[in-house]
Amino acid sequence: MTSKKDLSVIIVNWNTCDFLAQCLESVPGGQLSETGLGQHVEVGTRNLDIEVIVVDNASSDGSAEMVRRRFPQVKLIENSRNIGFAMANNQAIAYSRGRYVLLLNSDTVVHSGALQRMVAFMEDHSRAGAVGPRLLNEDGTLQPSVHPMMTPAREFWRLIFLEKLWPLARYQQEQWDTETPRLVDVIKGACLMVRRRALEQTGLLDDRYFMYTEEVDLCYRLARDGWNLCYVPAAVVTHFGEASSRQMAEDMYIQLYRSKLQFFRKFGGAGRARRFKVLVSLAYAPRAMVATTSGLISEPWRTRGKTYRRLLRELD
């Protein structure tokens, strides 16, 4: 397909109507109204030719109707069922026309100039296959947005809380300055800009992941094919976090580990997947016992214990 746009902004939505409206107001086509952030964020991307595509995964909260009514310039794809995050993004990528593709969560707000800065970086660095911005929490604090490539050992190190003593599974982003771009292993999927040419070489998201880890898979393949992945901190995006997954918290918690297991099986085979399952069991068995015991007197612990036991059972 001949690309006719500079940038395609793709937003997959599932029952996050209010967040989606706020997100759309922060990208070209409108100006963000007063929100929970307590400030106005002006659109700073008027010199880019941008298309915005929303894929609605059968929301029941009126999201699609809201988009049609308030944002008629946005291209809307309505699915009759929730087909998952990766497959919905691939739908829109196939439909899109931008030289660059931005995968953007519905629970984000794009700050002024962020899209310009990411595109400009890609224009200046021909081997940059993907870039990500500096993510902020709702209160303005730094949110981790990049991390080292996931391995079973790094996951275990994190799960047994040794990450606080010596960071192996995360970057120390809080010590990085806010102007200097850096090469990284993985960019968080909340806001991930990819060069179309890199996607054409490496392939789209693996839609066998229903949710989670699909961006790790993509970043792994991009790096394997010789593309650089870069953190561009001068571009800033606020990410409220887990607006969709909170609606089905336990199921999404289990899905996270299913997806990680799927990643290790894909890139390492049955042996690597087995090692990951053993390490997760070693980390979660004590948690399950503590949570189950504490659950005798506390409802939150009872819920947690149920989730941990289910995780151990379903990963076995």
Protein backbone atom coordinates (compact mmCIF):
# COMPACT_ATOMS: atom_id res chain seq x y z
CA MET A 1 0.00 0.00 0.00
CA THR A 2 1.27 3.48 -0.84
CA SER A 3 1.57 5.56 2.30
CA LYS A 4 -0.16 8.92 2.05
CA LYS A 5 0.13 10.09 5.64
CA ASP A 6 3.01 10.94 7.93
CA LEU A 7 1.55 9.17 10.92
CA SER A 8 -1.27 6.76 11.70
CA VAL A 9 -2.42 6.90 15.34
CA ILE A 10 -4.13 3.63 16.30
CA ILE A 11 -6.17 3.31 19.49
CA VAL A 12 -7.75 0.01 20.54
CA ASN A 13 -10.64 0.48 22.96
CA TRP A 14 -12.69 -1.77 25.21
CA ASN A 15 -15.15 -0.05 27.56
CA THR A 16 -13.03 3.02 28.34
CA CYS A 17 -15.35 5.67 26.88
CA ASP A 18 -14.34 8.59 29.10
CA PHE A 19 -10.62 7.83 28.82
CA LEU A 20 -10.95 7.42 25.06
CA ALA A 21 -12.63 10.83 24.68
CA GLN A 22 -9.85 12.46 26.68
CA CYS A 23 -7.20 10.67 24.61
CA LEU A 24 -8.76 11.72 21.31
CA GLU A 25 -8.92 15.32 22.44
CA SER A 26 -5.17 15.26 23.04
CA VAL A 27 -4.26 14.16 19.50
CA PRO A 28 -4.85 16.16 16.31
CA GLY A 29 -8.44 17.09 15.63
CA GLY A 30 -9.27 18.81 18.88
CA GLN A 31 -7.87 20.39 22.00
CA LEU A 32 -7.96 18.76 25.38
CA SER A 33 -10.64 20.22 27.59
CA GLU A 34 -10.29 20.57 31.34
CA THR A 35 -9.72 17.09 32.77
CA GLY A 36 -8.63 15.31 35.90
CA LEU A 37 -5.10 16.49 35.09
CA GLY A 38 -6.14 19.98 36.10
CA GLN A 39 -4.57 21.61 33.07
CA HIS A 40 -5.00 22.25 29.36
CA VAL A 41 -2.79 20.30 26.96
CA GLU A 42 -2.55 21.93 23.56
CA VAL A 43 -2.20 20.02 20.35
CA GLY A 44 1.27 20.60 18.87
CA THR A 45 1.24 18.46 15.74
CA ARG A 46 -0.33 20.67 13.07
CA ASN A 47 2.58 20.24 10.67
CA LEU A 48 2.12 16.44 10.53
CA ASP A 49 -0.39 14.79 8.24
CA ILE A 50 -2.04 12.45 10.73
CA GLU A 51 -4.89 9.98 10.60
CA VAL A 52 -6.49 8.62 13.76
CA ILE A 53 -8.05 5.16 13.79
CA VAL A 54 -10.05 3.73 16.70
CA VAL A 55 -10.78 0.01 16.88
CA ASP A 56 -13.61 -0.71 19.30
CA ASN A 57 -13.65 -4.28 20.59
CA ALA A 58 -17.42 -4.61 21.16
CA SER A 59 -17.63 -2.13 24.02
CA SER A 60 -20.90 -1.93 25.92
CA ASP A 61 -20.37 1.56 27.36
CA GLY A 62 -21.25 3.65 24.30
CA SER A 63 -17.65 4.19 23.19
CA ALA A 64 -18.33 3.76 19.48
CA GLU A 65 -21.32 6.10 19.54
CA MET A 66 -19.25 8.69 21.39
CA VAL A 67 -16.56 8.55 18.71
CA ARG A 68 -19.11 8.93 15.89
CA ARG A 69 -20.79 11.86 17.64
CA ARG A 70 -17.83 13.82 19.00
CA PHE A 71 -14.99 12.86 16.65
CA PRO A 72 -16.44 12.38 13.16
CA GLN A 73 -12.97 12.87 11.61
CA VAL A 74 -11.70 9.71 13.38
CA LYS A 75 -11.86 6.47 11.42
CA LEU A 76 -13.82 3.95 13.47
CA ILE A 77 -13.62 0.16 13.16
CA GLU A 78 -16.29 -1.65 15.19
CA ASN A 79 -15.80 -5.31 16.03
CA SER A 80 -18.71 -7.54 16.98
CA ARG A 81 -16.62 -9.22 19.70
CA ASN A 82 -13.48 -8.56 21.71
CA ILE A 83 -10.80 -9.99 19.44
CA GLY A 84 -7.91 -8.93 21.67
CA PHE A 85 -5.36 -6.15 21.63
CA ALA A 86 -2.87 -7.51 19.09
CA MET A 87 -5.43 -8.59 16.50
CA ALA A 88 -7.31 -5.29 16.75
CA ASN A 89 -4.10 -3.31 16.25
CA ASN A 90 -3.24 -5.44 13.22
CA GLN A 91 -6.69 -4.68 11.78
CA ALA A 92 -5.97 -0.98 11.93
CA ILE A 93 -2.37 -1.27 10.75
CA ALA A 94 -3.56 -3.04 7.59
CA TYR A 95 -6.08 -0.25 7.04
CA SER A 96 -3.71 2.63 7.86
CA ARG A 97 -1.62 4.74 5.46
CA GLY A 98 1.07 6.38 7.60
CA ARG A 99 4.82 6.10 7.12
CA TYR A 100 4.88 5.69 10.89
CA VAL A 101 2.37 3.86 13.04
CA LEU A 102 1.66 4.84 16.65
CA LEU A 103 0.06 2.23 18.89
CA LEU A 104 -1.58 4.28 21.64
CA ASN A 105 -3.57 3.13 24.65
CA SER A 106 -6.99 4.69 25.15
CA ASP A 107 -6.07 5.72 28.72
CA THR A 108 -3.38 8.18 27.66
CA VAL A 109 -3.03 11.91 27.10
CA VAL A 110 -0.50 13.06 24.51
CA HIS A 111 1.35 16.20 25.57
CA SER A 112 2.07 19.06 23.23
CA GLY A 113 4.74 18.28 20.63
CA ALA A 114 5.18 14.63 21.66
CA LEU A 115 4.21 13.18 18.29
CA GLN A 116 6.34 15.73 16.45
CA ARG A 117 9.39 14.84 18.52
CA MET A 118 9.01 11.10 17.99
CA VAL A 119 8.50 11.47 14.24
CA ALA A 120 11.44 13.89 13.99
CA PHE A 121 13.67 11.39 15.78
CA MET A 122 12.63 8.64 13.38
CA GLU A 123 13.29 10.93 10.42
CA ASP A 124 16.80 11.68 11.71
CA HIS A 125 17.68 8.07 12.60
CA SER A 126 17.03 5.72 9.71
CA ARG A 127 17.82 2.57 11.73
CA ALA A 128 15.29 3.43 14.45
CA GLY A 129 12.59 0.81 14.00
CA ALA A 130 10.55 1.94 16.99
CA VAL A 131 10.54 4.72 19.57
CA GLY A 132 8.73 5.39 22.80
CA PRO A 133 8.14 8.54 24.88
CA ARG A 134 8.62 9.35 28.53
CA LEU A 135 5.48 8.17 30.30
CA LEU A 136 4.07 9.95 33.33
CA ASN A 137 1.56 8.82 35.92
CA GLU A 138 -1.55 10.88 36.55
CA ASP A 139 0.23 12.76 39.36
CA GLY A 140 3.13 13.67 37.07
CA THR A 141 5.63 11.15 38.47
CA LEU A 142 7.71 9.00 36.16
CA GLN A 143 6.17 5.75 34.93
CA PRO A 144 8.49 3.01 33.63
CA SER A 145 8.11 2.99 29.85
CA VAL A 146 11.09 0.90 28.68
CA HIS A 147 12.83 -2.13 30.13
CA PRO A 148 15.47 -4.78 29.38
CA MET A 149 14.42 -7.80 27.36
CA MET A 150 12.41 -10.25 29.44
CA THR A 151 14.10 -13.51 30.47
CA PRO A 152 13.04 -16.22 32.98
CA ALA A 153 15.91 -15.22 35.29
CA ARG A 154 14.97 -11.53 35.22
CA GLU A 155 11.34 -12.39 35.93
CA PHE A 156 12.32 -14.53 38.91
CA TRP A 157 14.68 -11.81 40.21
CA ARG A 158 11.81 -9.35 40.08
CA LEU A 159 9.27 -11.72 41.65
CA ILE A 160 11.43 -12.41 44.70
CA PHE A 161 11.92 -8.67 45.25
CA LEU A 162 15.68 -8.59 44.63
CA GLU A 163 15.04 -5.92 42.01
CA LYS A 164 15.05 -3.38 44.84
CA LEU A 165 18.61 -4.37 45.77
CA TRP A 166 20.01 -4.58 42.25
CA PRO A 167 17.91 -3.74 39.17
CA LEU A 168 18.17 -6.43 36.52
CA ALA A 169 14.63 -6.42 35.11
CA ARG A 170 14.25 -2.65 34.84
CA TYR A 171 16.21 0.40 33.78
CA GLN A 172 16.95 3.11 36.32
CA GLN A 173 14.98 5.68 34.32
CA GLU A 174 14.69 7.98 37.30
CA GLN A 175 18.43 8.63 36.93
CA TRP A 176 18.25 9.39 33.20
CA ASP A 177 18.03 12.97 32.00
CA THR A 178 14.92 14.10 30.17
CA GLU A 179 16.56 15.19 26.92
CA THR A 180 18.96 12.44 25.84
CA PRO A 181 17.55 9.56 23.74
CA ARG A 182 18.77 6.05 24.59
CA LEU A 183 18.86 2.64 22.99
CA VAL A 184 16.61 0.21 24.86
CA ASP A 185 15.42 -3.39 24.57
CA VAL A 186 11.66 -3.07 25.00
CA ILE A 187 9.22 -0.15 24.70
CA LYS A 188 5.97 -0.30 26.63
CA GLY A 189 2.95 -0.81 24.40
CA ALA A 190 0.99 2.07 25.96
CA CYS A 191 2.66 4.35 23.41
CA LEU A 192 4.83 2.71 20.79
CA MET A 193 5.70 4.31 17.45
CA VAL A 194 6.92 1.92 14.73
CA ARG A 195 8.37 2.58 11.29
CA ARG A 196 6.14 1.00 8.65
CA ARG A 197 9.15 -0.26 6.73
CA ALA A 198 10.29 -2.08 9.87
CA LEU A 199 6.83 -3.63 10.28
CA GLU A 200 6.89 -4.76 6.66
CA GLN A 201 10.22 -6.49 7.28
CA THR A 202 9.56 -7.92 10.74
CA GLY A 203 5.82 -8.55 10.57
CA LEU A 204 2.86 -7.24 12.53
CA LEU A 205 1.99 -8.01 16.13
CA ASP A 206 1.61 -11.73 16.82
CA ASP A 207 -2.15 -11.96 17.27
CA ARG A 208 -1.86 -15.26 19.14
CA TYR A 209 -1.33 -13.04 22.18
CA PHE A 210 -4.77 -11.97 23.31
CA MET A 211 -3.39 -9.26 25.58
CA TYR A 212 0.01 -8.43 27.11
CA THR A 213 3.57 -9.21 25.94
CA GLU A 214 2.75 -8.62 22.27
CA GLU A 215 4.96 -5.51 22.34
CA VAL A 216 7.82 -7.50 23.92
CA ASP A 217 7.50 -9.99 21.07
CA LEU A 218 7.52 -7.21 18.48
CA CYS A 219 10.53 -5.46 20.05
CA TYR A 220 12.40 -8.76 20.19
CA ARG A 221 11.81 -9.38 16.48
CA LEU A 222 12.68 -5.81 15.50
CA ALA A 223 16.01 -6.01 17.33
CA ARG A 224 16.68 -9.46 15.85
CA ASP A 225 16.19 -7.96 12.39
CA GLY A 226 18.72 -5.20 13.06
CA TRP A 227 16.43 -2.30 13.98
CA ASN A 228 17.20 0.02 16.89
CA LEU A 229 14.63 0.68 19.61
CA CYS A 230 14.92 4.09 21.21
CA TYR A 231 13.60 6.00 24.22
CA VAL A 232 12.85 9.64 23.37
CA PRO A 233 12.24 11.38 26.72
CA ALA A 234 11.58 14.83 25.21
CA ALA A 235 8.27 13.37 24.01
CA VAL A 236 5.87 13.10 26.95
CA VAL A 237 2.64 11.14 27.37
CA THR A 238 0.53 10.68 30.49
CA HIS A 239 -0.65 7.11 30.99
CA PHE A 240 -3.38 6.46 33.54
CA GLY A 241 -2.83 2.72 33.36
CA GLU A 242 -4.85 -0.50 33.11
CA ALA A 243 -8.19 1.13 32.42
CA SER A 244 -9.41 -1.93 30.50
CA SER A 245 -7.71 -4.67 32.50
CA ARG A 246 -9.04 -3.39 35.84
CA GLN A 247 -12.51 -4.42 34.67
CA MET A 248 -11.45 -8.08 34.80
CA ALA A 249 -8.56 -7.88 37.24
CA GLU A 250 -8.09 -11.56 38.09
CA ASP A 251 -8.49 -12.79 34.52
CA MET A 252 -6.03 -10.19 33.26
CA TYR A 253 -3.53 -11.09 35.99
CA ILE A 254 -3.60 -14.71 34.82
CA GLN A 255 -3.50 -13.61 31.18
CA LEU A 256 -0.30 -11.64 31.83
CA TYR A 257 1.54 -14.78 32.89
CA ARG A 258 -0.01 -16.87 30.13
CA SER A 259 1.36 -14.37 27.63
CA LYS A 260 4.81 -14.41 29.19
CA LEU A 261 4.81 -18.20 29.08
CA GLN A 262 3.75 -18.02 25.44
CA PHE A 263 6.68 -15.67 24.69
CA PHE A 264 9.24 -17.98 26.31
CA ARG A 265 7.83 -21.00 24.50
CA LYS A 266 7.98 -19.15 21.17
CA PHE A 267 11.55 -17.92 21.65
CA GLY A 268 13.22 -20.81 23.43
CA GLY A 269 10.96 -23.80 23.12
CA ALA A 270 9.43 -26.11 25.72
CA GLY A 271 12.56 -26.16 27.89
CA ARG A 272 12.65 -22.41 28.39
CA ALA A 273 8.90 -22.32 29.04
CA ARG A 274 9.31 -25.08 31.62
CA ARG A 275 12.07 -23.16 33.42
CA PHE A 276 9.83 -20.11 33.57
CA LYS A 277 6.95 -22.13 35.05
CA VAL A 278 9.25 -23.60 37.72
CA LEU A 279 10.57 -20.16 38.69
CA VAL A 280 7.06 -18.67 38.84
CA SER A 281 5.96 -21.57 41.06
CA LEU A 282 8.93 -21.03 43.38
CA ALA A 283 8.06 -17.33 43.67
CA TYR A 284 4.29 -17.71 44.04
CA ALA A 285 3.88 -20.83 46.20
CA PRO A 286 4.97 -18.98 49.38
CA ARG A 287 2.75 -16.03 48.44
CA ALA A 288 -0.22 -18.33 47.96
CA MET A 289 0.30 -19.91 51.38
CA VAL A 290 0.62 -16.55 53.14
CA ALA A 291 -2.38 -15.09 51.31
CA THR A 292 -4.53 -18.16 52.00
CA THR A 293 -3.72 -18.05 55.72
CA SER A 294 -4.26 -14.30 55.95
CA GLY A 295 -7.50 -14.72 54.01
CA LEU A 296 -9.07 -16.38 57.03
CA ILE A 297 -9.37 -12.93 58.60
CA SER A 298 -9.14 -10.52 55.63
CA GLU A 299 -11.24 -10.38 52.47
CA PRO A 300 -8.54 -8.65 50.32
CA TRP A 301 -6.07 -11.40 51.25
CA ARG A 302 -8.72 -14.03 50.50
CA THR A 303 -9.13 -12.61 46.99
CA ARG A 304 -5.37 -12.45 46.52
CA GLY A 305 -4.94 -16.03 47.69
CA LYS A 306 -7.58 -17.21 45.22
CA THR A 307 -5.76 -15.45 42.37
CA TYR A 308 -2.37 -16.89 43.35
CA ARG A 309 -3.73 -20.42 43.61
CA ARG A 310 -5.38 -20.08 40.23
CA LEU A 311 -2.14 -18.83 38.70
CA LEU A 312 -0.19 -21.81 40.05
CA ARG A 313 -2.89 -24.21 38.89
CA GLU A 314 -3.26 -22.83 35.37
CA LEU A 315 0.47 -22.47 34.67
CA ASP A 316 1.15 -26.04 35.81
